Amino acid sequence: MNSRRDKREELQSEARHQTIELVSNLVPFGNLAYKTFTAISKPLYIQRREEWIKDISLRLLRLEEQDKIKLEDLAGSDEFNTILIKASNLAQEHHQEEKINALKGIVINTSLDLSKDK
């Protein structure tokens, strides 16, 4: 149920931004106003994506600094890339921290498991 609501909120957020962009192109200096608006108020999905990428990147870099993983090896792993992409897509669809943290755990644990095998 929450997933439908989340999806609806995301679609509404995107629609608002598209409408504002369209209208802003019709008025003088409207494009500048739109860019200012989007710099202040990013669509939900962009905020979620940026937060996800930042957090996962920092966690993986920390593990590499601790010599627990090698990012170069993981970059070449089809299994890791598949899990990372799927988890990233799911994380953008949810606002619930519990679910997002579970997805982060899956990515981190997969990176550790694959690194142990090497």
PDB file of N, CA and C in Angstrom:
ATOM      1  N   MET A   1       0.821  -1.200   0.000  1.00  0.00           N
ATOM      2  CA  MET A   1       0.000   0.000   0.000  1.00  0.00           C
ATOM      3  C   MET A   1       0.863   1.262   0.000  1.00  0.00           C
ATOM      4  N   ASN A   2       1.856   1.296   0.882  1.00  0.00           N
ATOM      5  CA  ASN A   2       2.722   2.469   0.929  1.00  0.00           C
ATOM      6  C   ASN A   2       3.455   2.664  -0.378  1.00  0.00           C
ATOM      7  N   SER A   3       3.755   1.562  -1.049  1.00  0.00           N
ATOM      8  CA  SER A   3       4.471   1.648  -2.311  1.00  0.00           C
ATOM      9  C   SER A   3       3.662   2.430  -3.347  1.00  0.00           C
ATOM     10  N   ARG A   4       2.376   2.199  -3.372  1.00  0.00           N
ATOM     11  CA  ARG A   4       1.516   2.932  -4.306  1.00  0.00           C
ATOM     12  C   ARG A   4       1.513   4.420  -3.971  1.00  0.00           C
ATOM     13  N   ARG A   5       1.423   4.716  -2.674  1.00  0.00           N
ATOM     14  CA  ARG A   5       1.419   6.114  -2.247  1.00  0.00           C
ATOM     15  C   ARG A   5       2.753   6.773  -2.584  1.00  0.00           C
ATOM     16  N   ASP A   6       3.849   6.054  -2.317  1.00  0.00           N
ATOM     17  CA  ASP A   6       5.179   6.585  -2.629  1.00  0.00           C
ATOM     18  C   ASP A   6       5.310   6.863  -4.113  1.00  0.00           C
ATOM     19  N   LYS A   7       4.851   5.925  -4.929  1.00  0.00           N
ATOM     20  CA  LYS A   7       4.931   6.076  -6.379  1.00  0.00           C
ATOM     21  C   LYS A   7       4.099   7.278  -6.827  1.00  0.00           C
ATOM     22  N   ARG A   8       2.908   7.416  -6.229  1.00  0.00           N
ATOM     23  CA  ARG A   8       2.034   8.535  -6.573  1.00  0.00           C
ATOM     24  C   ARG A   8       2.694   9.868  -6.197  1.00  0.00           C
ATOM     25  N   GLU A   9       3.301   9.927  -4.999  1.00  0.00           N
ATOM     26  CA  GLU A   9       3.989  11.148  -4.570  1.00  0.00           C
ATOM     27  C   GLU A   9       5.143  11.481  -5.513  1.00  0.00           C
ATOM     28  N   GLU A  10       5.872  10.446  -5.922  1.00  0.00           N
ATOM     29  CA  GLU A  10       6.991  10.660  -6.836  1.00  0.00           C
ATOM     30  C   GLU A  10       6.501  11.181  -8.178  1.00  0.00           C
ATOM     31  N   LEU A  11       5.437  10.583  -8.695  1.00  0.00           N
ATOM     32  CA  LEU A  11       4.884  11.024  -9.976  1.00  0.00           C
ATOM     33  C   LEU A  11       4.344  12.450  -9.880  1.00  0.00           C
ATOM     34  N   GLN A  12       3.699  12.773  -8.754  1.00  0.00           N
ATOM     35  CA  GLN A  12       3.197  14.133  -8.568  1.00  0.00           C
ATOM     36  C   GLN A  12       4.347  15.133  -8.500  1.00  0.00           C
ATOM     37  N   SER A  13       5.419  14.746  -7.823  1.00  0.00           N
ATOM     38  CA  SER A  13       6.595  15.613  -7.725  1.00  0.00           C
ATOM     39  C   SER A  13       7.185  15.871  -9.107  1.00  0.00           C
ATOM     40  N   GLU A  14       7.317  14.810  -9.899  1.00  0.00           N
ATOM     41  CA  GLU A  14       7.839  14.957 -11.258  1.00  0.00           C
ATOM     42  C   GLU A  14       6.906  15.822 -12.102  1.00  0.00           C
ATOM     43  N   ALA A  15       5.599  15.606 -11.971  1.00  0.00           N
ATOM     44  CA  ALA A  15       4.621  16.364 -12.755  1.00  0.00           C
ATOM     45  C   ALA A  15       4.675  17.847 -12.408  1.00  0.00           C
ATOM     46  N   ARG A  16       4.811  18.158 -11.114  1.00  0.00           N
ATOM     47  CA  ARG A  16       4.922  19.567 -10.707  1.00  0.00           C
ATOM     48  C   ARG A  16       6.133  20.218 -11.364  1.00  0.00           C
ATOM     49  N   HIS A  17       7.253  19.520 -11.315  1.00  0.00           N
ATOM     50  CA  HIS A  17       8.471  20.083 -11.898  1.00  0.00           C
ATOM     51  C   HIS A  17       8.342  20.249 -13.413  1.00  0.00           C
ATOM     52  N   GLN A  18       7.722  19.288 -14.078  1.00  0.00           N
ATOM     53  CA  GLN A  18       7.545  19.399 -15.525  1.00  0.00           C
ATOM     54  C   GLN A  18       6.605  20.552 -15.875  1.00  0.00           C
ATOM     55  N   THR A  19       5.546  20.719 -15.089  1.00  0.00           N
ATOM     56  CA  THR A  19       4.604  21.816 -15.324  1.00  0.00           C
ATOM     57  C   THR A  19       5.281  23.164 -15.121  1.00  0.00           C
ATOM     58  N   ILE A  20       6.030  23.275 -14.042  1.00  0.00           N
ATOM     59  CA  ILE A  20       6.730  24.534 -13.767  1.00  0.00           C
ATOM     60  C   ILE A  20       7.739  24.827 -14.866  1.00  0.00           C
ATOM     61  N   GLU A  21       8.439  23.798 -15.333  1.00  0.00           N
ATOM     62  CA  GLU A  21       9.414  23.999 -16.411  1.00  0.00           C
ATOM     63  C   GLU A  21       8.715  24.479 -17.678  1.00  0.00           C
ATOM     64  N   LEU A  22       7.602  23.854 -18.016  1.00  0.00           N
ATOM     65  CA  LEU A  22       6.855  24.234 -19.214  1.00  0.00           C
ATOM     66  C   LEU A  22       6.374  25.682 -19.125  1.00  0.00           C
ATOM     67  N   VAL A  23       5.767  26.035 -18.007  1.00  0.00           N
ATOM     68  CA  VAL A  23       5.254  27.391 -17.820  1.00  0.00           C
ATOM     69  C   VAL A  23       6.399  28.400 -17.814  1.00  0.00           C
ATOM     70  N   SER A  24       7.508  28.035 -17.184  1.00  0.00           N
ATOM     71  CA  SER A  24       8.634  28.968 -17.087  1.00  0.00           C
ATOM     72  C   SER A  24       9.228  29.297 -18.454  1.00  0.00           C
ATOM     73  N   ASN A  25       9.102  28.373 -19.397  1.00  0.00           N
ATOM     74  CA  ASN A  25       9.619  28.636 -20.740  1.00  0.00           C
ATOM     75  C   ASN A  25       8.753  29.631 -21.515  1.00  0.00           C
ATOM     76  N   LEU A  26       7.546  29.881 -21.027  1.00  0.00           N
ATOM     77  CA  LEU A  26       6.623  30.777 -21.717  1.00  0.00           C
ATOM     78  C   LEU A  26       6.777  32.235 -21.299  1.00  0.00           C
ATOM     79  N   VAL A  27       7.453  32.478 -20.187  1.00  0.00           N
ATOM     80  CA  VAL A  27       7.585  33.856 -19.697  1.00  0.00           C
ATOM     81  C   VAL A  27       9.041  34.304 -19.782  1.00  0.00           C
ATOM     82  N   PRO A  28       9.261  35.620 -19.950  1.00  0.00           N
ATOM     83  CA  PRO A  28      10.638  36.117 -19.981  1.00  0.00           C
ATOM     84  C   PRO A  28      11.365  35.787 -18.672  1.00  0.00           C
ATOM     85  N   PHE A  29      12.584  35.376 -18.783  1.00  0.00           N
ATOM     86  CA  PHE A  29      13.417  34.975 -17.651  1.00  0.00           C
ATOM     87  C   PHE A  29      12.838  33.780 -16.886  1.00  0.00           C
ATOM     88  N   GLY A  30      11.862  33.135 -17.483  1.00  0.00           N
ATOM     89  CA  GLY A  30      11.229  31.991 -16.826  1.00  0.00           C
ATOM     90  C   GLY A  30      12.182  30.833 -16.627  1.00  0.00           C
ATOM     91  N   ASN A  31      13.057  30.622 -17.599  1.00  0.00           N
ATOM     92  CA  ASN A  31      14.008  29.523 -17.493  1.00  0.00           C
ATOM     93  C   ASN A  31      14.937  29.727 -16.303  1.00  0.00           C
ATOM     94  N   LEU A  32      15.348  30.959 -16.085  1.00  0.00           N
ATOM     95  CA  LEU A  32      16.188  31.284 -14.936  1.00  0.00           C
ATOM     96  C   LEU A  32      15.429  31.016 -13.640  1.00  0.00           C
ATOM     97  N   ALA A  33      14.158  31.399 -13.621  1.00  0.00           N
ATOM     98  CA  ALA A  33      13.331  31.163 -12.432  1.00  0.00           C
ATOM     99  C   ALA A  33      13.189  29.666 -12.176  1.00  0.00           C
ATOM    100  N   TYR A  34      12.998  28.889 -13.245  1.00  0.00           N
ATOM    101  CA  TYR A  34      12.869  27.437 -13.087  1.00  0.00           C
ATOM    102  C   TYR A  34      14.152  26.834 -12.535  1.00  0.00           C
ATOM    103  N   LYS A  35      15.284  27.261 -13.076  1.00  0.00           N
ATOM    104  CA  LYS A  35      16.559  26.725 -12.592  1.00  0.00           C
ATOM    105  C   LYS A  35      16.767  27.063 -11.123  1.00  0.00           C
ATOM    106  N   THR A  36      16.370  28.259 -10.733  1.00  0.00           N
ATOM    107  CA  THR A  36      16.465  28.651  -9.325  1.00  0.00           C
ATOM    108  C   THR A  36      15.553  27.775  -8.481  1.00  0.00           C
ATOM    109  N   PHE A  37      14.329  27.557  -8.949  1.00  0.00           N
ATOM    110  CA  PHE A  37      13.372  26.718  -8.224  1.00  0.00           C
ATOM    111  C   PHE A  37      13.902  25.301  -8.064  1.00  0.00           C
ATOM    112  N   THR A  38      14.414  24.719  -9.145  1.00  0.00           N
ATOM    113  CA  THR A  38      14.886  23.333  -9.058  1.00  0.00           C
ATOM    114  C   THR A  38      16.146  23.213  -8.220  1.00  0.00           C
ATOM    115  N   ALA A  39      16.931  24.272  -8.168  1.00  0.00           N
ATOM    116  CA  ALA A  39      18.115  24.239  -7.311  1.00  0.00           C
ATOM    117  C   ALA A  39      17.708  24.210  -5.844  1.00  0.00           C
ATOM    118  N   ILE A  40      16.589  24.838  -5.539  1.00  0.00           N
ATOM    119  CA  ILE A  40      16.103  24.883  -4.160  1.00  0.00           C
ATOM    120  C   ILE A  40      15.276  23.649  -3.833  1.00  0.00           C
ATOM    121  N   SER A  41      14.438  23.247  -4.741  1.00  0.00           N
ATOM    122  CA  SER A  41      13.479  22.172  -4.482  1.00  0.00           C
ATOM    123  C   SER A  41      13.630  21.075  -5.525  1.00  0.00           C
ATOM    124  N   LYS A  42      14.451  20.095  -5.216  1.00  0.00           N
ATOM    125  CA  LYS A  42      14.650  18.987  -6.153  1.00  0.00           C
ATOM    126  C   LYS A  42      13.490  18.005  -6.050  1.00  0.00           C
ATOM    127  N   PRO A  43      13.158  17.359  -7.155  1.00  0.00           N
ATOM    128  CA  PRO A  43      12.139  16.314  -7.086  1.00  0.00           C
ATOM    129  C   PRO A  43      12.569  15.217  -6.114  1.00  0.00           C
ATOM    130  N   LEU A  44      11.579  14.585  -5.516  1.00  0.00           N
ATOM    131  CA  LEU A  44      11.821  13.555  -4.510  1.00  0.00           C
ATOM    132  C   LEU A  44      12.770  12.477  -4.994  1.00  0.00           C
ATOM    133  N   TYR A  45      12.558  11.967  -6.194  1.00  0.00           N
ATOM    134  CA  TYR A  45      13.373  10.858  -6.670  1.00  0.00           C
ATOM    135  C   TYR A  45      14.837  11.258  -6.825  1.00  0.00           C
ATOM    136  N   ILE A  46      15.098  12.513  -7.165  1.00  0.00           N
ATOM    137  CA  ILE A  46      16.482  12.966  -7.299  1.00  0.00           C
ATOM    138  C   ILE A  46      17.138  13.050  -5.928  1.00  0.00           C
ATOM    139  N   GLN A  47      16.405  13.575  -4.946  1.00  0.00           N
ATOM    140  CA  GLN A  47      16.943  13.642  -3.588  1.00  0.00           C
ATOM    141  C   GLN A  47      17.267  12.254  -3.066  1.00  0.00           C
ATOM    142  N   ARG A  48      16.345  11.322  -3.252  1.00  0.00           N
ATOM    143  CA  ARG A  48      16.567   9.951  -2.769  1.00  0.00           C
ATOM    144  C   ARG A  48      17.764   9.315  -3.466  1.00  0.00           C
ATOM    145  N   ARG A  49      17.858   9.513  -4.776  1.00  0.00           N
ATOM    146  CA  ARG A  49      18.965   8.926  -5.524  1.00  0.00           C
ATOM    147  C   ARG A  49      20.300   9.486  -5.044  1.00  0.00           C
ATOM    148  N   GLU A  50      20.367  10.802  -4.873  1.00  0.00           N
ATOM    149  CA  GLU A  50      21.619  11.423  -4.441  1.00  0.00           C
ATOM    150  C   GLU A  50      22.023  10.968  -3.045  1.00  0.00           C
ATOM    151  N   GLU A  51      21.051  10.876  -2.130  1.00  0.00           N
ATOM    152  CA  GLU A  51      21.344  10.407  -0.771  1.00  0.00           C
ATOM    153  C   GLU A  51      21.842   8.966  -0.804  1.00  0.00           C
ATOM    154  N   TRP A  52      21.193   8.131  -1.606  1.00  0.00           N
ATOM    155  CA  TRP A  52      21.572   6.725  -1.715  1.00  0.00           C
ATOM    156  C   TRP A  52      22.999   6.597  -2.245  1.00  0.00           C
ATOM    157  N   ILE A  53      23.285   7.265  -3.340  1.00  0.00           N
ATOM    158  CA  ILE A  53      24.612   7.172  -3.959  1.00  0.00           C
ATOM    159  C   ILE A  53      25.690   7.653  -3.001  1.00  0.00           C
ATOM    160  N   LYS A  54      25.442   8.762  -2.340  1.00  0.00           N
ATOM    161  CA  LYS A  54      26.422   9.309  -1.400  1.00  0.00           C
ATOM    162  C   LYS A  54      26.695   8.325  -0.267  1.00  0.00           C
ATOM    163  N   ASP A  55      25.638   7.787   0.329  1.00  0.00           N
ATOM    164  CA  ASP A  55      25.815   6.896   1.475  1.00  0.00           C
ATOM    165  C   ASP A  55      26.485   5.582   1.084  1.00  0.00           C
ATOM    166  N   ILE A  56      26.023   4.958   0.009  1.00  0.00           N
ATOM    167  CA  ILE A  56      26.621   3.686  -0.428  1.00  0.00           C
ATOM    168  C   ILE A  56      28.078   3.900  -0.817  1.00  0.00           C
ATOM    169  N   SER A  57      28.357   4.980  -1.506  1.00  0.00           N
ATOM    170  CA  SER A  57      29.741   5.271  -1.913  1.00  0.00           C
ATOM    171  C   SER A  57      30.651   5.420  -0.704  1.00  0.00           C
ATOM    172  N   LEU A  58      30.200   6.172   0.284  1.00  0.00           N
ATOM    173  CA  LEU A  58      31.012   6.362   1.494  1.00  0.00           C
ATOM    174  C   LEU A  58      31.252   5.046   2.228  1.00  0.00           C
ATOM    175  N   ARG A  59      30.213   4.227   2.324  1.00  0.00           N
ATOM    176  CA  ARG A  59      30.355   2.933   3.011  1.00  0.00           C
ATOM    177  C   ARG A  59      31.345   2.025   2.277  1.00  0.00           C
ATOM    178  N   LEU A  60      31.237   1.984   0.957  1.00  0.00           N
ATOM    179  CA  LEU A  60      32.144   1.136   0.179  1.00  0.00           C
ATOM    180  C   LEU A  60      33.579   1.663   0.241  1.00  0.00           C
ATOM    181  N   LEU A  61      33.745   2.972   0.187  1.00  0.00           N
ATOM    182  CA  LEU A  61      35.092   3.552   0.295  1.00  0.00           C
ATOM    183  C   LEU A  61      35.715   3.246   1.656  1.00  0.00           C
ATOM    184  N   ARG A  62      34.905   3.309   2.711  1.00  0.00           N
ATOM    185  CA  ARG A  62      35.392   2.973   4.051  1.00  0.00           C
ATOM    186  C   ARG A  62      35.878   1.527   4.110  1.00  0.00           C
ATOM    187  N   LEU A  63      35.098   0.626   3.506  1.00  0.00           N
ATOM    188  CA  LEU A  63      35.493  -0.789   3.495  1.00  0.00           C
ATOM    189  C   LEU A  63      36.779  -0.996   2.704  1.00  0.00           C
ATOM    190  N   GLU A  64      36.938  -0.250   1.621  1.00  0.00           N
ATOM    191  CA  GLU A  64      38.167  -0.368   0.837  1.00  0.00           C
ATOM    192  C   GLU A  64      39.361   0.168   1.635  1.00  0.00           C
ATOM    193  N   GLU A  65      39.169   1.263   2.343  1.00  0.00           N
ATOM    194  CA  GLU A  65      40.244   1.816   3.172  1.00  0.00           C
ATOM    195  C   GLU A  65      40.671   0.835   4.263  1.00  0.00           C
ATOM    196  N   GLN A  66      39.725   0.020   4.726  1.00  0.00           N
ATOM    197  CA  GLN A  66      40.009  -0.983   5.755  1.00  0.00           C
ATOM    198  C   GLN A  66      40.523  -2.291   5.139  1.00  0.00           C
ATOM    199  N   ASP A  67      40.765  -2.289   3.835  1.00  0.00           N
ATOM    200  CA  ASP A  67      41.234  -3.460   3.084  1.00  0.00           C
ATOM    201  C   ASP A  67      40.290  -4.657   3.190  1.00  0.00           C
ATOM    202  N   LYS A  68      39.002  -4.379   3.309  1.00  0.00           N
ATOM    203  CA  LYS A  68      38.010  -5.453   3.367  1.00  0.00           C
ATOM    204  C   LYS A  68      37.455  -5.776   1.986  1.00  0.00           C
ATOM    205  N   ILE A  69      37.508  -4.800   1.084  1.00  0.00           N
ATOM    206  CA  ILE A  69      37.042  -5.000  -0.293  1.00  0.00           C
ATOM    207  C   ILE A  69      37.981  -4.272  -1.245  1.00  0.00           C
ATOM    208  N   LYS A  70      37.880  -4.649  -2.523  1.00  0.00           N
ATOM    209  CA  LYS A  70      38.579  -3.919  -3.582  1.00  0.00           C
ATOM    210  C   LYS A  70      37.516  -3.470  -4.576  1.00  0.00           C
ATOM    211  N   LEU A  71      37.338  -2.160  -4.658  1.00  0.00           N
ATOM    212  CA  LEU A  71      36.307  -1.624  -5.547  1.00  0.00           C
ATOM    213  C   LEU A  71      36.549  -2.007  -7.000  1.00  0.00           C
ATOM    214  N   GLU A  72      37.800  -2.105  -7.376  1.00  0.00           N
ATOM    215  CA  GLU A  72      38.129  -2.489  -8.747  1.00  0.00           C
ATOM    216  C   GLU A  72      37.603  -3.891  -9.064  1.00  0.00           C
ATOM    217  N   ASP A  73      37.752  -4.814  -8.111  1.00  0.00           N
ATOM    218  CA  ASP A  73      37.238  -6.174  -8.307  1.00  0.00           C
ATOM    219  C   ASP A  73      35.712  -6.177  -8.365  1.00  0.00           C
ATOM    220  N   LEU A  74      35.091  -5.407  -7.470  1.00  0.00           N
ATOM    221  CA  LEU A  74      33.627  -5.359  -7.446  1.00  0.00           C
ATOM    222  C   LEU A  74      33.067  -4.741  -8.725  1.00  0.00           C
ATOM    223  N   ALA A  75      33.766  -3.765  -9.266  1.00  0.00           N
ATOM    224  CA  ALA A  75      33.309  -3.118 -10.498  1.00  0.00           C
ATOM    225  C   ALA A  75      33.226  -4.118 -11.649  1.00  0.00           C
ATOM    226  N   GLY A  76      34.051  -5.152 -11.602  1.00  0.00           N
ATOM    227  CA  GLY A  76      34.043  -6.162 -12.650  1.00  0.00           C
ATOM    228  C   GLY A  76      33.136  -7.343 -12.362  1.00  0.00           C
ATOM    229  N   SER A  77      32.444  -7.310 -11.236  1.00  0.00           N
ATOM    230  CA  SER A  77      31.579  -8.423 -10.838  1.00  0.00           C
ATOM    231  C   SER A  77      30.152  -8.203 -11.327  1.00  0.00           C
ATOM    232  N   ASP A  78      29.687  -9.102 -12.190  1.00  0.00           N
ATOM    233  CA  ASP A  78      28.305  -9.006 -12.671  1.00  0.00           C
ATOM    234  C   ASP A  78      27.316  -9.140 -11.519  1.00  0.00           C
ATOM    235  N   GLU A  79      27.611 -10.050 -10.591  1.00  0.00           N
ATOM    236  CA  GLU A  79      26.710 -10.273  -9.457  1.00  0.00           C
ATOM    237  C   GLU A  79      26.573  -9.003  -8.613  1.00  0.00           C
ATOM    238  N   PHE A  80      27.702  -8.392  -8.284  1.00  0.00           N
ATOM    239  CA  PHE A  80      27.658  -7.173  -7.470  1.00  0.00           C
ATOM    240  C   PHE A  80      26.927  -6.054  -8.203  1.00  0.00           C
ATOM    241  N   ASN A  81      27.228  -5.871  -9.469  1.00  0.00           N
ATOM    242  CA  ASN A  81      26.586  -4.802 -10.239  1.00  0.00           C
ATOM    243  C   ASN A  81      25.084  -5.005 -10.348  1.00  0.00           C
ATOM    244  N   THR A  82      24.648  -6.240 -10.527  1.00  0.00           N
ATOM    245  CA  THR A  82      23.217  -6.526 -10.593  1.00  0.00           C
ATOM    246  C   THR A  82      22.543  -6.171  -9.276  1.00  0.00           C
ATOM    247  N   ILE A  83      23.144  -6.604  -8.170  1.00  0.00           N
ATOM    248  CA  ILE A  83      22.567  -6.322  -6.852  1.00  0.00           C
ATOM    249  C   ILE A  83      22.571  -4.826  -6.568  1.00  0.00           C
ATOM    250  N   LEU A  84      23.655  -4.158  -6.894  1.00  0.00           N
ATOM    251  CA  LEU A  84      23.746  -2.714  -6.660  1.00  0.00           C
ATOM    252  C   LEU A  84      22.681  -1.955  -7.449  1.00  0.00           C
ATOM    253  N   ILE A  85      22.500  -2.307  -8.702  1.00  0.00           N
ATOM    254  CA  ILE A  85      21.510  -1.625  -9.546  1.00  0.00           C
ATOM    255  C   ILE A  85      20.093  -1.875  -9.041  1.00  0.00           C
ATOM    256  N   LYS A  86      19.788  -3.137  -8.718  1.00  0.00           N
ATOM    257  CA  LYS A  86      18.432  -3.448  -8.239  1.00  0.00           C
ATOM    258  C   LYS A  86      18.153  -2.778  -6.902  1.00  0.00           C
ATOM    259  N   ALA A  87      19.125  -2.822  -5.991  1.00  0.00           N
ATOM    260  CA  ALA A  87      18.945  -2.181  -4.684  1.00  0.00           C
ATOM    261  C   ALA A  87      18.798  -0.669  -4.845  1.00  0.00           C
ATOM    262  N   SER A  88      19.563  -0.087  -5.745  1.00  0.00           N
ATOM    263  CA  SER A  88      19.489   1.361  -5.979  1.00  0.00           C
ATOM    264  C   SER A  88      18.113   1.758  -6.507  1.00  0.00           C
ATOM    265  N   ASN A  89      17.600   0.989  -7.436  1.00  0.00           N
ATOM    266  CA  ASN A  89      16.268   1.280  -7.979  1.00  0.00           C
ATOM    267  C   ASN A  89      15.192   1.168  -6.905  1.00  0.00           C
ATOM    268  N   LEU A  90      15.273   0.123  -6.089  1.00  0.00           N
ATOM    269  CA  LEU A  90      14.288  -0.054  -5.019  1.00  0.00           C
ATOM    270  C   LEU A  90      14.397   1.051  -3.974  1.00  0.00           C
ATOM    271  N   ALA A  91      15.606   1.452  -3.649  1.00  0.00           N
ATOM    272  CA  ALA A  91      15.813   2.489  -2.631  1.00  0.00           C
ATOM    273  C   ALA A  91      15.180   3.812  -3.045  1.00  0.00           C
ATOM    274  N   GLN A  92      15.175   4.107  -4.323  1.00  0.00           N
ATOM    275  CA  GLN A  92      14.584   5.355  -4.808  1.00  0.00           C
ATOM    276  C   GLN A  92      13.064   5.345  -4.700  1.00  0.00           C
ATOM    277  N   GLU A  93      12.483   4.160  -4.611  1.00  0.00           N
ATOM    278  CA  GLU A  93      11.031   4.043  -4.551  1.00  0.00           C
ATOM    279  C   GLU A  93      10.487   4.122  -3.132  1.00  0.00           C
ATOM    280  N   HIS A  94      11.366   4.076  -2.130  1.00  0.00           N
ATOM    281  CA  HIS A  94      10.904   4.015  -0.741  1.00  0.00           C
ATOM    282  C   HIS A  94      11.372   5.207   0.067  1.00  0.00           C
ATOM    283  N   HIS A  95      10.531   5.597   1.006  1.00  0.00           N
ATOM    284  CA  HIS A  95      10.916   6.649   1.942  1.00  0.00           C
ATOM    285  C   HIS A  95      11.202   6.063   3.322  1.00  0.00           C
ATOM    286  N   GLN A  96      10.844   4.793   3.519  1.00  0.00           N
ATOM    287  CA  GLN A  96      10.996   4.163   4.830  1.00  0.00           C
ATOM    288  C   GLN A  96      12.456   3.807   5.083  1.00  0.00           C
ATOM    289  N   GLU A  97      13.012   4.394   6.131  1.00  0.00           N
ATOM    290  CA  GLU A  97      14.418   4.187   6.468  1.00  0.00           C
ATOM    291  C   GLU A  97      14.741   2.713   6.687  1.00  0.00           C
ATOM    292  N   GLU A  98      13.815   1.988   7.292  1.00  0.00           N
ATOM    293  CA  GLU A  98      14.045   0.570   7.573  1.00  0.00           C
ATOM    294  C   GLU A  98      14.314  -0.209   6.282  1.00  0.00           C
ATOM    295  N   LYS A  99      13.525   0.039   5.265  1.00  0.00           N
ATOM    296  CA  LYS A  99      13.701  -0.648   3.983  1.00  0.00           C
ATOM    297  C   LYS A  99      14.989  -0.200   3.293  1.00  0.00           C
ATOM    298  N   ILE A 100      15.257   1.091   3.340  1.00  0.00           N
ATOM    299  CA  ILE A 100      16.470   1.613   2.709  1.00  0.00           C
ATOM    300  C   ILE A 100      17.706   1.043   3.393  1.00  0.00           C
ATOM    301  N   ASN A 101      17.681   0.971   4.722  1.00  0.00           N
ATOM    302  CA  ASN A 101      18.815   0.396   5.455  1.00  0.00           C
ATOM    303  C   ASN A 101      18.998  -1.083   5.140  1.00  0.00           C
ATOM    304  N   ALA A 102      17.897  -1.805   4.961  1.00  0.00           N
ATOM    305  CA  ALA A 102      17.995  -3.218   4.589  1.00  0.00           C
ATOM    306  C   ALA A 102      18.656  -3.362   3.216  1.00  0.00           C
ATOM    307  N   LEU A 103      18.298  -2.495   2.288  1.00  0.00           N
ATOM    308  CA  LEU A 103      18.910  -2.533   0.956  1.00  0.00           C
ATOM    309  C   LEU A 103      20.397  -2.189   1.022  1.00  0.00           C
ATOM    310  N   LYS A 104      20.755  -1.226   1.868  1.00  0.00           N
ATOM    311  CA  LYS A 104      22.171  -0.889   2.055  1.00  0.00           C
ATOM    312  C   LYS A 104      22.919  -2.096   2.600  1.00  0.00           C
ATOM    313  N   GLY A 105      22.296  -2.775   3.556  1.00  0.00           N
ATOM    314  CA  GLY A 105      22.910  -3.966   4.132  1.00  0.00           C
ATOM    315  C   GLY A 105      23.155  -5.046   3.091  1.00  0.00           C
ATOM    316  N   ILE A 106      22.215  -5.214   2.187  1.00  0.00           N
ATOM    317  CA  ILE A 106      22.370  -6.211   1.124  1.00  0.00           C
ATOM    318  C   ILE A 106      23.573  -5.873   0.252  1.00  0.00           C
ATOM    319  N   VAL A 107      23.699  -4.617  -0.129  1.00  0.00           N
ATOM    320  CA  VAL A 107      24.819  -4.200  -0.983  1.00  0.00           C
ATOM    321  C   VAL A 107      26.147  -4.393  -0.253  1.00  0.00           C
ATOM    322  N   ILE A 108      26.217  -3.943   0.993  1.00  0.00           N
ATOM    323  CA  ILE A 108      27.460  -4.038   1.758  1.00  0.00           C
ATOM    324  C   ILE A 108      27.827  -5.494   2.012  1.00  0.00           C
ATOM    325  N   ASN A 109      26.860  -6.300   2.440  1.00  0.00           N
ATOM    326  CA  ASN A 109      27.146  -7.713   2.707  1.00  0.00           C
ATOM    327  C   ASN A 109      27.570  -8.453   1.443  1.00  0.00           C
ATOM    328  N   THR A 110      26.961  -8.121   0.329  1.00  0.00           N
ATOM    329  CA  THR A 110      27.358  -8.734  -0.941  1.00  0.00           C
ATOM    330  C   THR A 110      28.792  -8.362  -1.285  1.00  0.00           C
ATOM    331  N   SER A 111      29.141  -7.101  -1.079  1.00  0.00           N
ATOM    332  CA  SER A 111      30.516  -6.674  -1.382  1.00  0.00           C
ATOM    333  C   SER A 111      31.515  -7.425  -0.510  1.00  0.00           C
ATOM    334  N   LEU A 112      31.174  -7.616   0.756  1.00  0.00           N
ATOM    335  CA  LEU A 112      32.070  -8.341   1.668  1.00  0.00           C
ATOM    336  C   LEU A 112      32.161  -9.819   1.294  1.00  0.00           C
ATOM    337  N   ASP A 113      31.021 -10.430   0.991  1.00  0.00           N
ATOM    338  CA  ASP A 113      31.009 -11.852   0.622  1.00  0.00           C
ATOM    339  C   ASP A 113      31.804 -12.105  -0.652  1.00  0.00           C
ATOM    340  N   LEU A 114      31.616 -11.264  -1.645  1.00  0.00           N
ATOM    341  CA  LEU A 114      32.342 -11.451  -2.907  1.00  0.00           C
ATOM    342  C   LEU A 114      33.836 -11.210  -2.725  1.00  0.00           C
ATOM    343  N   SER A 115      34.197 -10.315  -1.826  1.00  0.00           N
ATOM    344  CA  SER A 115      35.617 -10.033  -1.581  1.00  0.00           C
ATOM    345  C   SER A 115      36.289 -11.164  -0.821  1.00  0.00           C
ATOM    346  N   LYS A 116      35.535 -11.872   0.011  1.00  0.00           N
ATOM    347  CA  LYS A 116      36.086 -13.026   0.742  1.00  0.00           C
ATOM    348  C   LYS A 116      36.444 -14.149  -0.218  1.00  0.00           C
ATOM    349  N   ASP A 117      35.658 -14.273  -1.275  1.00  0.00           N
ATOM    350  CA  ASP A 117      35.875 -15.345  -2.252  1.00  0.00           C
ATOM    351  C   ASP A 117      37.153 -15.143  -3.048  1.00  0.00           C
ATOM    352  N   LYS A 118      37.690 -13.942  -3.069  1.00  0.00           N
ATOM    353  CA  LYS A 118      38.883 -13.649  -3.889  1.00  0.00           C
ATOM    354  C   LYS A 118      40.148 -13.964  -3.148  1.00  0.00           C
TER     355      LYS A 118
END
